[in-house]
Amino acid sequence: MSNAKGSILMAIFWMTVISLLLFWLPGLGPLIAGIVGGKVAGGVMRGLTAVFVPAVLLGGALFVFGTALTGMPLIGAVAGGGVTLLILVQVAPLAIGALIGGLLA
């Protein structure tokens, strides 16, 4: 284990960039992004924090704004809930990768 701490913000940045660049690899793209992000974060818990905090915040924000911006709150809630579910599905390989990358750090 390394004594040098990584940066959670840089881990979030790299996970986002690599996930967007490798979107065409459904399971492997987020896994690679998670490995890189976990290594940049500098540890397992820091890597998992870099995965789950943005996912929960983005999912919650889309749920709230989807409800607030449509004229019909039920339709907005369903749309926001669907997007939140898609984000959570994307998080699984990202979290596995962050776990592996954190162990490699």
PDB file of N, CA and C in Angstrom:
ATOM      1  N   MET A   1       0.826  -1.185   0.000  1.00  0.00           N
ATOM      2  CA  MET A   1       0.000   0.000   0.000  1.00  0.00           C
ATOM      3  C   MET A   1       0.872   1.250   0.000  1.00  0.00           C
ATOM      4  N   SER A   2       0.457   2.204  -0.731  1.00  0.00           N
ATOM      5  CA  SER A   2       1.200   3.447  -0.871  1.00  0.00           C
ATOM      6  C   SER A   2       0.772   4.437   0.206  1.00  0.00           C
ATOM      7  N   ASN A   3       1.697   5.239   0.691  1.00  0.00           N
ATOM      8  CA  ASN A   3       1.376   6.268   1.670  1.00  0.00           C
ATOM      9  C   ASN A   3       0.846   7.530   1.015  1.00  0.00           C
ATOM     10  N   ALA A   4       1.136   7.733  -0.257  1.00  0.00           N
ATOM     11  CA  ALA A   4       0.682   8.935  -0.958  1.00  0.00           C
ATOM     12  C   ALA A   4      -0.814   8.831  -1.229  1.00  0.00           C
ATOM     13  N   LYS A   5      -1.522   9.886  -0.906  1.00  0.00           N
ATOM     14  CA  LYS A   5      -2.965   9.920  -1.138  1.00  0.00           C
ATOM     15  C   LYS A   5      -3.242  10.410  -2.549  1.00  0.00           C
ATOM     16  N   GLY A   6      -4.268   9.858  -3.150  1.00  0.00           N
ATOM     17  CA  GLY A   6      -4.688  10.315  -4.461  1.00  0.00           C
ATOM     18  C   GLY A   6      -5.732  11.409  -4.318  1.00  0.00           C
ATOM     19  N   SER A   7      -6.298  11.791  -5.423  1.00  0.00           N
ATOM     20  CA  SER A   7      -7.304  12.840  -5.444  1.00  0.00           C
ATOM     21  C   SER A   7      -8.646  12.263  -5.883  1.00  0.00           C
ATOM     22  N   ILE A   8      -9.660  12.439  -5.053  1.00  0.00           N
ATOM     23  CA  ILE A   8     -10.992  11.942  -5.397  1.00  0.00           C
ATOM     24  C   ILE A   8     -11.556  12.732  -6.575  1.00  0.00           C
ATOM     25  N   LEU A   9     -11.317  14.038  -6.603  1.00  0.00           N
ATOM     26  CA  LEU A   9     -11.833  14.848  -7.715  1.00  0.00           C
ATOM     27  C   LEU A   9     -11.208  14.452  -9.048  1.00  0.00           C
ATOM     28  N   MET A  10      -9.913  14.185  -9.045  1.00  0.00           N
ATOM     29  CA  MET A  10      -9.269  13.734 -10.287  1.00  0.00           C
ATOM     30  C   MET A  10      -9.746  12.339 -10.675  1.00  0.00           C
ATOM     31  N   ALA A  11     -10.026  11.498  -9.684  1.00  0.00           N
ATOM     32  CA  ALA A  11     -10.559  10.166  -9.974  1.00  0.00           C
ATOM     33  C   ALA A  11     -11.934  10.272 -10.626  1.00  0.00           C
ATOM     34  N   ILE A  12     -12.776  11.168 -10.108  1.00  0.00           N
ATOM     35  CA  ILE A  12     -14.099  11.390 -10.704  1.00  0.00           C
ATOM     36  C   ILE A  12     -13.939  11.888 -12.140  1.00  0.00           C
ATOM     37  N   PHE A  13     -13.013  12.826 -12.342  1.00  0.00           N
ATOM     38  CA  PHE A  13     -12.773  13.367 -13.678  1.00  0.00           C
ATOM     39  C   PHE A  13     -12.357  12.270 -14.649  1.00  0.00           C
ATOM     40  N   TRP A  14     -11.366  11.457 -14.267  1.00  0.00           N
ATOM     41  CA  TRP A  14     -10.871  10.420 -15.171  1.00  0.00           C
ATOM     42  C   TRP A  14     -11.912   9.338 -15.413  1.00  0.00           C
ATOM     43  N   MET A  15     -12.677   8.992 -14.396  1.00  0.00           N
ATOM     44  CA  MET A  15     -13.739   7.994 -14.597  1.00  0.00           C
ATOM     45  C   MET A  15     -14.777   8.502 -15.589  1.00  0.00           C
ATOM     46  N   THR A  16     -15.118   9.769 -15.481  1.00  0.00           N
ATOM     47  CA  THR A  16     -16.104  10.350 -16.392  1.00  0.00           C
ATOM     48  C   THR A  16     -15.573  10.393 -17.819  1.00  0.00           C
ATOM     49  N   VAL A  17     -14.357  10.884 -17.988  1.00  0.00           N
ATOM     50  CA  VAL A  17     -13.779  11.010 -19.332  1.00  0.00           C
ATOM     51  C   VAL A  17     -13.623   9.647 -19.995  1.00  0.00           C
ATOM     52  N   ILE A  18     -13.061   8.687 -19.271  1.00  0.00           N
ATOM     53  CA  ILE A  18     -12.834   7.369 -19.865  1.00  0.00           C
ATOM     54  C   ILE A  18     -14.156   6.660 -20.131  1.00  0.00           C
ATOM     55  N   SER A  19     -15.142   6.819 -19.248  1.00  0.00           N
ATOM     56  CA  SER A  19     -16.462   6.222 -19.494  1.00  0.00           C
ATOM     57  C   SER A  19     -17.098   6.795 -20.753  1.00  0.00           C
ATOM     58  N   LEU A  20     -16.956   8.096 -20.949  1.00  0.00           N
ATOM     59  CA  LEU A  20     -17.520   8.714 -22.155  1.00  0.00           C
ATOM     60  C   LEU A  20     -16.781   8.278 -23.413  1.00  0.00           C
ATOM     61  N   LEU A  21     -15.468   8.133 -23.322  1.00  0.00           N
ATOM     62  CA  LEU A  21     -14.693   7.721 -24.491  1.00  0.00           C
ATOM     63  C   LEU A  21     -14.902   6.249 -24.842  1.00  0.00           C
ATOM     64  N   LEU A  22     -15.159   5.419 -23.843  1.00  0.00           N
ATOM     65  CA  LEU A  22     -15.321   3.983 -24.075  1.00  0.00           C
ATOM     66  C   LEU A  22     -16.780   3.541 -23.946  1.00  0.00           C
ATOM     67  N   PHE A  23     -17.715   4.433 -24.279  1.00  0.00           N
ATOM     68  CA  PHE A  23     -19.135   4.101 -24.166  1.00  0.00           C
ATOM     69  C   PHE A  23     -19.529   2.933 -25.055  1.00  0.00           C
ATOM     70  N   TRP A  24     -18.787   2.687 -26.107  1.00  0.00           N
ATOM     71  CA  TRP A  24     -19.110   1.644 -27.067  1.00  0.00           C
ATOM     72  C   TRP A  24     -18.702   0.259 -26.577  1.00  0.00           C
ATOM     73  N   LEU A  25     -18.036   0.178 -25.432  1.00  0.00           N
ATOM     74  CA  LEU A  25     -17.717  -1.103 -24.791  1.00  0.00           C
ATOM     75  C   LEU A  25     -18.592  -1.230 -23.538  1.00  0.00           C
ATOM     76  N   PRO A  26     -19.780  -1.826 -23.643  1.00  0.00           N
ATOM     77  CA  PRO A  26     -20.770  -1.762 -22.566  1.00  0.00           C
ATOM     78  C   PRO A  26     -20.276  -2.168 -21.172  1.00  0.00           C
ATOM     79  N   GLY A  27     -19.638  -3.286 -21.006  1.00  0.00           N
ATOM     80  CA  GLY A  27     -19.186  -3.674 -19.674  1.00  0.00           C
ATOM     81  C   GLY A  27     -17.735  -3.336 -19.415  1.00  0.00           C
ATOM     82  N   LEU A  28     -16.935  -3.414 -20.466  1.00  0.00           N
ATOM     83  CA  LEU A  28     -15.495  -3.233 -20.334  1.00  0.00           C
ATOM     84  C   LEU A  28     -15.097  -1.760 -20.170  1.00  0.00           C
ATOM     85  N   GLY A  29     -15.817  -0.848 -20.820  1.00  0.00           N
ATOM     86  CA  GLY A  29     -15.499   0.581 -20.730  1.00  0.00           C
ATOM     87  C   GLY A  29     -15.564   1.107 -19.302  1.00  0.00           C
ATOM     88  N   PRO A  30     -16.693   0.899 -18.593  1.00  0.00           N
ATOM     89  CA  PRO A  30     -16.747   1.356 -17.199  1.00  0.00           C
ATOM     90  C   PRO A  30     -15.763   0.622 -16.289  1.00  0.00           C
ATOM     91  N   LEU A  31     -15.491  -0.648 -16.599  1.00  0.00           N
ATOM     92  CA  LEU A  31     -14.523  -1.398 -15.793  1.00  0.00           C
ATOM     93  C   LEU A  31     -13.132  -0.776 -15.910  1.00  0.00           C
ATOM     94  N   ILE A  32     -12.723  -0.449 -17.132  1.00  0.00           N
ATOM     95  CA  ILE A  32     -11.422   0.199 -17.348  1.00  0.00           C
ATOM     96  C   ILE A  32     -11.399   1.571 -16.678  1.00  0.00           C
ATOM     97  N   ALA A  33     -12.496   2.320 -16.823  1.00  0.00           N
ATOM     98  CA  ALA A  33     -12.578   3.639 -16.191  1.00  0.00           C
ATOM     99  C   ALA A  33     -12.488   3.518 -14.676  1.00  0.00           C
ATOM    100  N   GLY A  34     -13.122   2.507 -14.113  1.00  0.00           N
ATOM    101  CA  GLY A  34     -13.062   2.298 -12.672  1.00  0.00           C
ATOM    102  C   GLY A  34     -11.669   1.934 -12.194  1.00  0.00           C
ATOM    103  N   ILE A  35     -10.975   1.099 -12.963  1.00  0.00           N
ATOM    104  CA  ILE A  35      -9.609   0.719 -12.583  1.00  0.00           C
ATOM    105  C   ILE A  35      -8.704   1.949 -12.568  1.00  0.00           C
ATOM    106  N   VAL A  36      -8.791   2.758 -13.616  1.00  0.00           N
ATOM    107  CA  VAL A  36      -7.973   3.979 -13.679  1.00  0.00           C
ATOM    108  C   VAL A  36      -8.361   4.936 -12.551  1.00  0.00           C
ATOM    109  N   GLY A  37      -9.667   5.131 -12.351  1.00  0.00           N
ATOM    110  CA  GLY A  37     -10.122   6.040 -11.298  1.00  0.00           C
ATOM    111  C   GLY A  37      -9.745   5.573  -9.905  1.00  0.00           C
ATOM    112  N   GLY A  38      -9.846   4.270  -9.655  1.00  0.00           N
ATOM    113  CA  GLY A  38      -9.459   3.738  -8.350  1.00  0.00           C
ATOM    114  C   GLY A  38      -7.978   3.909  -8.086  1.00  0.00           C
ATOM    115  N   LYS A  39      -7.174   3.735  -9.136  1.00  0.00           N
ATOM    116  CA  LYS A  39      -5.719   3.920  -8.995  1.00  0.00           C
ATOM    117  C   LYS A  39      -5.394   5.397  -8.747  1.00  0.00           C
ATOM    118  N   VAL A  40      -6.085   6.293  -9.460  1.00  0.00           N
ATOM    119  CA  VAL A  40      -5.860   7.734  -9.273  1.00  0.00           C
ATOM    120  C   VAL A  40      -6.332   8.171  -7.884  1.00  0.00           C
ATOM    121  N   ALA A  41      -7.429   7.574  -7.399  1.00  0.00           N
ATOM    122  CA  ALA A  41      -7.954   7.947  -6.084  1.00  0.00           C
ATOM    123  C   ALA A  41      -6.989   7.568  -4.969  1.00  0.00           C
ATOM    124  N   GLY A  42      -6.254   6.486  -5.151  1.00  0.00           N
ATOM    125  CA  GLY A  42      -5.234   6.136  -4.179  1.00  0.00           C
ATOM    126  C   GLY A  42      -5.640   5.106  -3.147  1.00  0.00           C
ATOM    127  N   GLY A  43      -6.787   4.489  -3.292  1.00  0.00           N
ATOM    128  CA  GLY A  43      -7.198   3.467  -2.333  1.00  0.00           C
ATOM    129  C   GLY A  43      -8.594   2.971  -2.645  1.00  0.00           C
ATOM    130  N   VAL A  44      -8.970   1.896  -1.967  1.00  0.00           N
ATOM    131  CA  VAL A  44     -10.262   1.270  -2.240  1.00  0.00           C
ATOM    132  C   VAL A  44     -11.417   2.175  -1.821  1.00  0.00           C
ATOM    133  N   MET A  45     -11.398   2.659  -0.587  1.00  0.00           N
ATOM    134  CA  MET A  45     -12.516   3.483  -0.109  1.00  0.00           C
ATOM    135  C   MET A  45     -12.600   4.809  -0.861  1.00  0.00           C
ATOM    136  N   ARG A  46     -11.475   5.382  -1.174  1.00  0.00           N
ATOM    137  CA  ARG A  46     -11.477   6.640  -1.931  1.00  0.00           C
ATOM    138  C   ARG A  46     -11.984   6.406  -3.347  1.00  0.00           C
ATOM    139  N   GLY A  47     -11.626   5.270  -3.941  1.00  0.00           N
ATOM    140  CA  GLY A  47     -12.116   4.933  -5.276  1.00  0.00           C
ATOM    141  C   GLY A  47     -13.615   4.698  -5.287  1.00  0.00           C
ATOM    142  N   LEU A  48     -14.116   3.973  -4.287  1.00  0.00           N
ATOM    143  CA  LEU A  48     -15.555   3.728  -4.212  1.00  0.00           C
ATOM    144  C   LEU A  48     -16.322   5.018  -3.922  1.00  0.00           C
ATOM    145  N   THR A  49     -15.714   5.909  -3.149  1.00  0.00           N
ATOM    146  CA  THR A  49     -16.333   7.221  -2.922  1.00  0.00           C
ATOM    147  C   THR A  49     -16.431   7.991  -4.235  1.00  0.00           C
ATOM    148  N   ALA A  50     -15.390   7.903  -5.043  1.00  0.00           N
ATOM    149  CA  ALA A  50     -15.384   8.589  -6.339  1.00  0.00           C
ATOM    150  C   ALA A  50     -16.415   7.999  -7.293  1.00  0.00           C
ATOM    151  N   VAL A  51     -16.859   6.779  -7.050  1.00  0.00           N
ATOM    152  CA  VAL A  51     -17.887   6.162  -7.890  1.00  0.00           C
ATOM    153  C   VAL A  51     -19.280   6.538  -7.403  1.00  0.00           C
ATOM    154  N   PHE A  52     -19.537   6.342  -6.108  1.00  0.00           N
ATOM    155  CA  PHE A  52     -20.905   6.420  -5.616  1.00  0.00           C
ATOM    156  C   PHE A  52     -21.409   7.833  -5.358  1.00  0.00           C
ATOM    157  N   VAL A  53     -20.566   8.732  -4.908  1.00  0.00           N
ATOM    158  CA  VAL A  53     -21.034  10.094  -4.614  1.00  0.00           C
ATOM    159  C   VAL A  53     -21.568  10.792  -5.871  1.00  0.00           C
ATOM    160  N   PRO A  54     -20.827  10.818  -6.998  1.00  0.00           N
ATOM    161  CA  PRO A  54     -21.394  11.459  -8.192  1.00  0.00           C
ATOM    162  C   PRO A  54     -22.628  10.732  -8.730  1.00  0.00           C
ATOM    163  N   ALA A  55     -22.654   9.403  -8.626  1.00  0.00           N
ATOM    164  CA  ALA A  55     -23.803   8.649  -9.135  1.00  0.00           C
ATOM    165  C   ALA A  55     -25.065   8.983  -8.352  1.00  0.00           C
ATOM    166  N   VAL A  56     -24.956   9.037  -7.038  1.00  0.00           N
ATOM    167  CA  VAL A  56     -26.119   9.349  -6.207  1.00  0.00           C
ATOM    168  C   VAL A  56     -26.552  10.797  -6.415  1.00  0.00           C
ATOM    169  N   LEU A  57     -25.594  11.716  -6.462  1.00  0.00           N
ATOM    170  CA  LEU A  57     -25.943  13.128  -6.662  1.00  0.00           C
ATOM    171  C   LEU A  57     -26.577  13.369  -8.028  1.00  0.00           C
ATOM    172  N   LEU A  58     -26.001  12.780  -9.077  1.00  0.00           N
ATOM    173  CA  LEU A  58     -26.548  12.962 -10.421  1.00  0.00           C
ATOM    174  C   LEU A  58     -27.920  12.309 -10.551  1.00  0.00           C
ATOM    175  N   GLY A  59     -28.064  11.109 -10.025  1.00  0.00           N
ATOM    176  CA  GLY A  59     -29.362  10.433 -10.078  1.00  0.00           C
ATOM    177  C   GLY A  59     -30.434  11.209  -9.334  1.00  0.00           C
ATOM    178  N   GLY A  60     -30.105  11.692  -8.149  1.00  0.00           N
ATOM    179  CA  GLY A  60     -31.066  12.480  -7.379  1.00  0.00           C
ATOM    180  C   GLY A  60     -31.415  13.792  -8.057  1.00  0.00           C
ATOM    181  N   ALA A  61     -30.411  14.461  -8.609  1.00  0.00           N
ATOM    182  CA  ALA A  61     -30.661  15.737  -9.292  1.00  0.00           C
ATOM    183  C   ALA A  61     -31.540  15.542 -10.523  1.00  0.00           C
ATOM    184  N   LEU A  62     -31.269  14.507 -11.308  1.00  0.00           N
ATOM    185  CA  LEU A  62     -32.098  14.254 -12.489  1.00  0.00           C
ATOM    186  C   LEU A  62     -33.515  13.875 -12.106  1.00  0.00           C
ATOM    187  N   PHE A  63     -33.674  13.153 -11.016  1.00  0.00           N
ATOM    188  CA  PHE A  63     -35.009  12.797 -10.537  1.00  0.00           C
ATOM    189  C   PHE A  63     -35.781  14.052 -10.128  1.00  0.00           C
ATOM    190  N   VAL A  64     -35.130  14.933  -9.362  1.00  0.00           N
ATOM    191  CA  VAL A  64     -35.785  16.161  -8.897  1.00  0.00           C
ATOM    192  C   VAL A  64     -36.077  17.098 -10.064  1.00  0.00           C
ATOM    193  N   PHE A  65     -35.094  17.335 -10.930  1.00  0.00           N
ATOM    194  CA  PHE A  65     -35.302  18.260 -12.038  1.00  0.00           C
ATOM    195  C   PHE A  65     -36.263  17.703 -13.078  1.00  0.00           C
ATOM    196  N   GLY A  66     -36.256  16.393 -13.279  1.00  0.00           N
ATOM    197  CA  GLY A  66     -37.223  15.789 -14.195  1.00  0.00           C
ATOM    198  C   GLY A  66     -38.642  15.996 -13.709  1.00  0.00           C
ATOM    199  N   THR A  67     -38.822  15.939 -12.404  1.00  0.00           N
ATOM    200  CA  THR A  67     -40.141  16.170 -11.826  1.00  0.00           C
ATOM    201  C   THR A  67     -40.508  17.651 -11.888  1.00  0.00           C
ATOM    202  N   ALA A  68     -39.554  18.521 -11.603  1.00  0.00           N
ATOM    203  CA  ALA A  68     -39.837  19.952 -11.533  1.00  0.00           C
ATOM    204  C   ALA A  68     -40.022  20.590 -12.904  1.00  0.00           C
ATOM    205  N   LEU A  69     -39.327  20.099 -13.928  1.00  0.00           N
ATOM    206  CA  LEU A  69     -39.341  20.772 -15.221  1.00  0.00           C
ATOM    207  C   LEU A  69     -40.458  20.320 -16.158  1.00  0.00           C
ATOM    208  N   THR A  70     -41.117  19.236 -15.834  1.00  0.00           N
ATOM    209  CA  THR A  70     -42.246  18.825 -16.669  1.00  0.00           C
ATOM    210  C   THR A  70     -43.517  19.386 -16.062  1.00  0.00           C
ATOM    211  N   GLY A  71     -44.501  19.584 -16.900  1.00  0.00           N
ATOM    212  CA  GLY A  71     -45.779  20.083 -16.411  1.00  0.00           C
ATOM    213  C   GLY A  71     -46.526  19.036 -15.600  1.00  0.00           C
ATOM    214  N   MET A  72     -46.159  17.777 -15.794  1.00  0.00           N
ATOM    215  CA  MET A  72     -46.842  16.688 -15.097  1.00  0.00           C
ATOM    216  C   MET A  72     -45.829  15.974 -14.199  1.00  0.00           C
ATOM    217  N   PRO A  73     -45.927  16.164 -12.898  1.00  0.00           N
ATOM    218  CA  PRO A  73     -44.931  15.603 -11.987  1.00  0.00           C
ATOM    219  C   PRO A  73     -44.794  14.083 -12.072  1.00  0.00           C
ATOM    220  N   LEU A  74     -45.876  13.382 -12.364  1.00  0.00           N
ATOM    221  CA  LEU A  74     -45.791  11.925 -12.445  1.00  0.00           C
ATOM    222  C   LEU A  74     -44.903  11.491 -13.613  1.00  0.00           C
ATOM    223  N   ILE A  75     -45.063  12.146 -14.759  1.00  0.00           N
ATOM    224  CA  ILE A  75     -44.229  11.823 -15.926  1.00  0.00           C
ATOM    225  C   ILE A  75     -42.765  12.156 -15.635  1.00  0.00           C
ATOM    226  N   GLY A  76     -42.509  13.287 -15.006  1.00  0.00           N
ATOM    227  CA  GLY A  76     -41.143  13.663 -14.652  1.00  0.00           C
ATOM    228  C   GLY A  76     -40.524  12.699 -13.662  1.00  0.00           C
ATOM    229  N   ALA A  77     -41.328  12.229 -12.700  1.00  0.00           N
ATOM    230  CA  ALA A  77     -40.816  11.276 -11.719  1.00  0.00           C
ATOM    231  C   ALA A  77     -40.471   9.946 -12.374  1.00  0.00           C
ATOM    232  N   VAL A  78     -41.290   9.495 -13.309  1.00  0.00           N
ATOM    233  CA  VAL A  78     -41.015   8.237 -14.012  1.00  0.00           C
ATOM    234  C   VAL A  78     -39.755   8.377 -14.868  1.00  0.00           C
ATOM    235  N   ALA A  79     -39.638   9.492 -15.591  1.00  0.00           N
ATOM    236  CA  ALA A  79     -38.451   9.713 -16.427  1.00  0.00           C
ATOM    237  C   ALA A  79     -37.195   9.834 -15.565  1.00  0.00           C
ATOM    238  N   GLY A  80     -37.274  10.601 -14.494  1.00  0.00           N
ATOM    239  CA  GLY A  80     -36.130  10.746 -13.597  1.00  0.00           C
ATOM    240  C   GLY A  80     -35.753   9.432 -12.933  1.00  0.00           C
ATOM    241  N   GLY A  81     -36.750   8.643 -12.553  1.00  0.00           N
ATOM    242  CA  GLY A  81     -36.479   7.335 -11.963  1.00  0.00           C
ATOM    243  C   GLY A  81     -35.819   6.390 -12.948  1.00  0.00           C
ATOM    244  N   GLY A  82     -36.239   6.449 -14.216  1.00  0.00           N
ATOM    245  CA  GLY A  82     -35.624   5.609 -15.246  1.00  0.00           C
ATOM    246  C   GLY A  82     -34.169   5.964 -15.479  1.00  0.00           C
ATOM    247  N   VAL A  83     -33.879   7.246 -15.523  1.00  0.00           N
ATOM    248  CA  VAL A  83     -32.490   7.683 -15.710  1.00  0.00           C
ATOM    249  C   VAL A  83     -31.651   7.310 -14.486  1.00  0.00           C
ATOM    250  N   THR A  84     -32.230   7.445 -13.296  1.00  0.00           N
ATOM    251  CA  THR A  84     -31.529   7.047 -12.078  1.00  0.00           C
ATOM    252  C   THR A  84     -31.191   5.563 -12.112  1.00  0.00           C
ATOM    253  N   LEU A  85     -32.114   4.739 -12.581  1.00  0.00           N
ATOM    254  CA  LEU A  85     -31.867   3.302 -12.699  1.00  0.00           C
ATOM    255  C   LEU A  85     -30.743   3.015 -13.693  1.00  0.00           C
ATOM    256  N   LEU A  86     -30.730   3.721 -14.818  1.00  0.00           N
ATOM    257  CA  LEU A  86     -29.652   3.539 -15.792  1.00  0.00           C
ATOM    258  C   LEU A  86     -28.293   3.926 -15.211  1.00  0.00           C
ATOM    259  N   ILE A  87     -28.260   4.980 -14.422  1.00  0.00           N
ATOM    260  CA  ILE A  87     -27.009   5.394 -13.786  1.00  0.00           C
ATOM    261  C   ILE A  87     -26.536   4.325 -12.808  1.00  0.00           C
ATOM    262  N   LEU A  88     -27.461   3.761 -12.036  1.00  0.00           N
ATOM    263  CA  LEU A  88     -27.076   2.737 -11.071  1.00  0.00           C
ATOM    264  C   LEU A  88     -26.604   1.460 -11.748  1.00  0.00           C
ATOM    265  N   VAL A  89     -27.150   1.129 -12.918  1.00  0.00           N
ATOM    266  CA  VAL A  89     -26.678  -0.035 -13.669  1.00  0.00           C
ATOM    267  C   VAL A  89     -25.250   0.205 -14.155  1.00  0.00           C
ATOM    268  N   GLN A  90     -24.945   1.414 -14.537  1.00  0.00           N
ATOM    269  CA  GLN A  90     -23.605   1.770 -15.012  1.00  0.00           C
ATOM    270  C   GLN A  90     -22.584   1.741 -13.873  1.00  0.00           C
ATOM    271  N   VAL A  91     -23.050   1.919 -12.642  1.00  0.00           N
ATOM    272  CA  VAL A  91     -22.147   2.011 -11.500  1.00  0.00           C
ATOM    273  C   VAL A  91     -21.520   0.662 -11.148  1.00  0.00           C
ATOM    274  N   ALA A  92     -22.204  -0.454 -11.405  1.00  0.00           N
ATOM    275  CA  ALA A  92     -21.691  -1.771 -10.990  1.00  0.00           C
ATOM    276  C   ALA A  92     -20.302  -2.076 -11.567  1.00  0.00           C
ATOM    277  N   PRO A  93     -20.101  -2.035 -12.895  1.00  0.00           N
ATOM    278  CA  PRO A  93     -18.744  -2.302 -13.386  1.00  0.00           C
ATOM    279  C   PRO A  93     -17.748  -1.209 -12.995  1.00  0.00           C
ATOM    280  N   LEU A  94     -18.239   0.014 -12.843  1.00  0.00           N
ATOM    281  CA  LEU A  94     -17.363   1.105 -12.413  1.00  0.00           C
ATOM    282  C   LEU A  94     -16.862   0.853 -10.988  1.00  0.00           C
ATOM    283  N   ALA A  95     -17.748   0.371 -10.116  1.00  0.00           N
ATOM    284  CA  ALA A  95     -17.370   0.086  -8.732  1.00  0.00           C
ATOM    285  C   ALA A  95     -16.408  -1.099  -8.650  1.00  0.00           C
ATOM    286  N   ILE A  96     -16.641  -2.128  -9.460  1.00  0.00           N
ATOM    287  CA  ILE A  96     -15.724  -3.276  -9.479  1.00  0.00           C
ATOM    288  C   ILE A  96     -14.339  -2.823  -9.943  1.00  0.00           C
ATOM    289  N   GLY A  97     -14.320  -1.990 -10.976  1.00  0.00           N
ATOM    290  CA  GLY A  97     -13.047  -1.455 -11.457  1.00  0.00           C
ATOM    291  C   GLY A  97     -12.361  -0.584 -10.420  1.00  0.00           C
ATOM    292  N   ALA A  98     -13.142   0.239  -9.701  1.00  0.00           N
ATOM    293  CA  ALA A  98     -12.558   1.093  -8.662  1.00  0.00           C
ATOM    294  C   ALA A  98     -11.986   0.249  -7.531  1.00  0.00           C
ATOM    295  N   LEU A  99     -12.637  -0.861  -7.228  1.00  0.00           N
ATOM    296  CA  LEU A  99     -12.123  -1.771  -6.208  1.00  0.00           C
ATOM    297  C   LEU A  99     -10.780  -2.362  -6.642  1.00  0.00           C
ATOM    298  N   ILE A 100     -10.715  -2.809  -7.894  1.00  0.00           N
ATOM    299  CA  ILE A 100      -9.464  -3.367  -8.425  1.00  0.00           C
ATOM    300  C   ILE A 100      -8.374  -2.291  -8.472  1.00  0.00           C
ATOM    301  N   GLY A 101      -8.732  -1.108  -8.999  1.00  0.00           N
ATOM    302  CA  GLY A 101      -7.755  -0.017  -9.083  1.00  0.00           C
ATOM    303  C   GLY A 101      -7.283   0.445  -7.719  1.00  0.00           C
ATOM    304  N   GLY A 102      -8.191   0.469  -6.741  1.00  0.00           N
ATOM    305  CA  GLY A 102      -7.800   0.845  -5.384  1.00  0.00           C
ATOM    306  C   GLY A 102      -6.840  -0.155  -4.771  1.00  0.00           C
ATOM    307  N   LEU A 103      -7.043  -1.434  -5.077  1.00  0.00           N
ATOM    308  CA  LEU A 103      -6.120  -2.455  -4.577  1.00  0.00           C
ATOM    309  C   LEU A 103      -4.757  -2.359  -5.256  1.00  0.00           C
ATOM    310  N   LEU A 104      -4.744  -1.913  -6.506  1.00  0.00           N
ATOM    311  CA  LEU A 104      -3.482  -1.757  -7.234  1.00  0.00           C
ATOM    312  C   LEU A 104      -2.701  -0.518  -6.798  1.00  0.00           C
ATOM    313  N   ALA A 105      -3.409   0.460  -6.218  1.00  0.00           N
ATOM    314  CA  ALA A 105      -2.758   1.731  -5.836  1.00  0.00           C
ATOM    315  C   ALA A 105      -1.804   1.541  -4.681  1.00  0.00           C
TER     316      ALA A 105
END
